[in-house]
Every structure is written in structure tokens, then in C-alpha cells.
Amino acid sequence: MNNETRIRRINRFIETLNQARGLGLIAREAGEDYLVMELPYNEQLIGNPETGAMHSGAITTLMDTASGSVMMCALEDLELCPTLDLRVDYMRPAEAGKAVLARAETYRVTRNIIFTRCEAYHEGGKTIANCVGTFMRVGKEATPKSYRKLITGEAE
């Protein structure tokens, strides 16, 4: 599967997630085992009115979504992989007026569990937060065929 196909699939997946769609998350770059996702700056997401920094909950959602979506880069077949554990460490607040990017990667894929790490940052800036996650593999068969067709696209 090429990188453009990965990005299209991930963006179709994001469209099925109300919270991710509401935040405006979008996949920007994808490779065989990594994904870069963007959370555009939005004044409705301000967590600190004095600084204009985005709320950490929105950034956590970005990192969880990127970490969960990177499975589509790492696995041959589409599998829904629910989050088992996500540990987030915040280094500094996001800067006002700037989009936040998250780069997620898989670093180990087993028969039952996928291990990921993710970094949230501003373009050309320092790390805002890091996270590691574990995701449960439920198998290709557990994903309804209609949902699979929606995500993969019938023509692909």
C-alpha cells in the first residue's frame, strides 16, 4: 500500500470518529510504520485564556487518535485496535495560534498487542508532549465488512 492510500484511509477513519472530526484532525503524512496528524489551532479549544494555549485534553485526543490510527500504516489488513493504555507526559504548553502535530509510530507488533509511541509538537518547535500506548488487536474478522469498505474505499 502506498503512502497516499494510507493517508486517505486514515482520514476516512477520522471522519467516522465524532470527537476527532469535531477537533478537525487530519492525517498529513504516513509511511510504513509512522503517521503525522494535525490538530489545527481553534480558539474554542483554548484551555488557558491568559496564554491562548490549547487545552491538554484536545492534545491527548490528538495523540490517542494518531497512535490508534498508525495501525493502518503498520498492518496489512484493516483492524480496529482499541486503546488499552495510553500514558502521556506533558513537557510544555502549546503555543497560542499554532497547530499541533503528532508523529506516532509502531515500535512493536505482536499477535495480540501493538505498542506505539507518539510526540506532539509545533512545526519546527520543541516537544509539547510524549506518549506511549498499547492497543488490543481484535482481528480483521471483528471489523464489520461495511465499515471496512467505508475506510478502505471500494475502489482500492
Protein backbone atom coordinates (compact mmCIF):
# COMPACT_ATOMS: atom_id res chain seq x y z
CA MET A 1 0.00 0.00 0.00
CA ASN A 2 1.39 3.44 -0.88
CA ASN A 3 1.51 6.43 1.46
CA GLU A 4 -1.30 8.35 -0.29
CA THR A 5 -3.61 5.37 0.16
CA ARG A 6 -2.68 5.24 3.85
CA ILE A 7 -3.50 8.94 4.30
CA ARG A 8 -6.86 8.59 2.52
CA ARG A 9 -7.80 5.60 4.67
CA ILE A 10 -6.79 7.32 7.89
CA ASN A 11 -8.73 10.48 7.00
CA ARG A 12 -11.83 8.37 6.20
CA PHE A 13 -11.37 6.68 9.59
CA ILE A 14 -11.13 10.07 11.33
CA GLU A 15 -14.41 11.09 9.67
CA THR A 16 -16.15 8.21 11.50
CA LEU A 17 -14.97 9.47 14.91
CA ASN A 18 -17.19 12.31 16.14
CA GLN A 19 -14.65 13.78 18.55
CA ALA A 20 -11.73 13.61 16.09
CA ARG A 21 -13.87 15.09 13.31
CA GLY A 22 -15.06 17.84 15.66
CA LEU A 23 -11.47 18.73 16.51
CA GLY A 24 -10.60 18.92 12.81
CA LEU A 25 -7.90 16.24 12.99
CA ILE A 26 -6.31 15.37 9.67
CA ALA A 27 -3.58 12.94 8.60
CA ARG A 28 -0.77 14.84 6.88
CA GLU A 29 1.93 12.23 6.29
CA ALA A 30 2.14 8.44 6.52
CA GLY A 31 4.68 5.72 5.98
CA GLU A 32 5.04 2.01 6.63
CA ASP A 33 5.15 2.36 10.41
CA TYR A 34 4.51 6.04 11.17
CA LEU A 35 1.88 8.75 10.85
CA VAL A 36 1.83 12.54 11.24
CA MET A 37 -1.54 14.01 12.23
CA GLU A 38 -2.51 17.66 12.71
CA LEU A 39 -4.77 19.39 15.22
CA PRO A 40 -5.47 22.86 13.75
CA TYR A 41 -5.49 25.76 16.20
CA ASN A 42 -9.02 26.63 17.25
CA GLU A 43 -9.98 29.31 19.78
CA GLN A 44 -12.78 27.05 21.04
CA LEU A 45 -10.09 24.65 22.27
CA ILE A 46 -8.26 27.19 24.43
CA GLY A 47 -7.53 25.73 27.83
CA ASN A 48 -5.76 28.77 29.30
CA PRO A 49 -7.44 32.09 28.41
CA GLU A 50 -4.42 34.10 29.61
CA THR A 51 -1.98 32.44 27.18
CA GLY A 52 -4.32 31.14 24.47
CA ALA A 53 -2.78 27.67 24.79
CA MET A 54 -4.90 24.76 23.57
CA HIS A 55 -6.43 22.51 26.20
CA SER A 56 -4.35 19.45 27.03
CA GLY A 57 -7.42 17.22 26.55
CA ALA A 58 -7.52 18.13 22.85
CA ILE A 59 -3.82 17.32 22.55
CA THR A 60 -4.34 14.00 24.34
CA THR A 61 -7.14 13.17 21.89
CA LEU A 62 -4.82 14.04 19.01
CA MET A 63 -2.13 11.71 20.36
CA ASP A 64 -4.58 8.88 21.10
CA THR A 65 -6.13 9.17 17.63
CA ALA A 66 -2.74 9.31 15.90
CA SER A 67 -1.47 6.34 17.94
CA GLY A 68 -4.63 4.34 17.20
CA SER A 69 -4.61 5.25 13.51
CA VAL A 70 -0.98 4.34 12.90
CA MET A 71 -2.18 0.70 12.86
CA MET A 72 -3.36 1.35 9.31
CA CYS A 73 0.26 2.02 8.41
CA ALA A 74 1.70 -1.00 10.21
CA LEU A 75 -0.80 -3.78 9.43
CA GLU A 76 -1.50 -5.49 6.12
CA ASP A 77 -5.27 -5.62 6.71
CA LEU A 78 -7.56 -3.12 8.38
CA GLU A 79 -8.13 -3.97 12.05
CA LEU A 80 -9.80 -1.85 14.67
CA CYS A 81 -7.46 -1.77 17.66
CA PRO A 82 -8.95 -0.21 20.80
CA THR A 83 -6.72 1.62 23.26
CA LEU A 84 -5.69 -0.49 26.26
CA ASP A 85 -3.33 2.02 27.84
CA LEU A 86 -2.06 5.48 26.98
CA ARG A 87 0.48 7.31 29.11
CA VAL A 88 1.01 10.99 28.31
CA ASP A 89 3.81 13.18 29.66
CA TYR A 90 3.44 16.93 29.07
CA MET A 91 6.65 18.91 28.64
CA ARG A 92 5.26 22.40 27.98
CA PRO A 93 2.02 24.10 26.91
CA ALA A 94 1.12 24.51 23.27
CA GLU A 95 1.68 27.98 21.84
CA ALA A 96 -1.30 30.17 21.02
CA GLY A 97 -2.25 30.39 17.37
CA LYS A 98 -0.26 27.34 16.25
CA ALA A 99 -1.44 23.95 15.04
CA VAL A 100 -0.20 20.93 16.98
CA LEU A 101 1.28 17.98 15.10
CA ALA A 102 1.59 14.44 16.40
CA ARG A 103 4.00 11.87 15.00
CA ALA A 104 3.02 8.35 16.00
CA GLU A 105 4.91 5.16 15.25
CA THR A 106 4.58 1.49 15.98
CA TYR A 107 7.64 0.01 17.61
CA ARG A 108 6.38 -3.49 18.27
CA VAL A 109 3.54 -5.50 16.76
CA THR A 110 2.57 -8.82 18.34
CA ARG A 111 -0.28 -11.23 17.64
CA ASN A 112 -2.42 -9.57 20.35
CA ILE A 113 -0.95 -6.16 21.17
CA ILE A 114 0.52 -3.21 19.26
CA PHE A 115 2.92 -0.85 21.03
CA THR A 116 3.19 2.77 19.93
CA ARG A 117 4.95 5.98 20.84
CA CYS A 118 3.92 9.48 19.86
CA GLU A 119 5.26 13.03 20.10
CA ALA A 120 3.14 16.20 19.95
CA TYR A 121 4.93 19.34 18.77
CA HIS A 122 4.65 22.54 16.75
CA GLU A 123 6.19 22.69 13.27
CA GLY A 124 9.89 23.36 13.88
CA GLY A 125 9.30 23.61 17.62
CA LYS A 126 10.01 21.76 20.81
CA THR A 127 8.10 18.77 22.10
CA ILE A 128 4.79 19.60 23.80
CA ALA A 129 4.05 16.05 25.00
CA ASN A 130 5.13 12.43 24.56
CA CYS A 131 3.06 9.32 24.95
CA VAL A 132 3.32 5.57 24.76
CA GLY A 133 0.34 3.39 24.11
CA THR A 134 -0.79 -0.20 23.88
CA PHE A 135 -3.61 -1.26 21.60
CA MET A 136 -5.50 -4.55 21.52
CA ARG A 137 -5.69 -6.40 18.22
CA VAL A 138 -9.22 -7.74 17.76
CA GLY A 139 -8.57 -9.20 14.33
CA LYS A 140 -9.69 -8.45 10.82
CA GLU A 141 -12.84 -10.55 11.22
CA ALA A 142 -14.14 -8.37 14.09
CA THR A 143 -14.40 -5.33 11.79
CA PRO A 144 -17.79 -5.25 10.01
CA LYS A 145 -17.47 -5.53 6.23
CA SER A 146 -19.49 -2.35 5.63
CA TYR A 147 -17.14 -0.38 7.90
CA ARG A 148 -14.09 -1.95 6.24
CA LYS A 149 -15.40 -0.85 2.82
CA LEU A 150 -16.02 2.66 4.13
CA ILE A 151 -12.45 3.02 5.42
CA THR A 152 -10.59 1.21 2.65
CA GLY A 153 -12.68 2.62 -0.17
CA GLU A 154 -14.44 0.22 -2.50
CA ALA A 155 -12.23 1.10 -5.50
CA GLU A 156 -8.91 0.48 -3.70
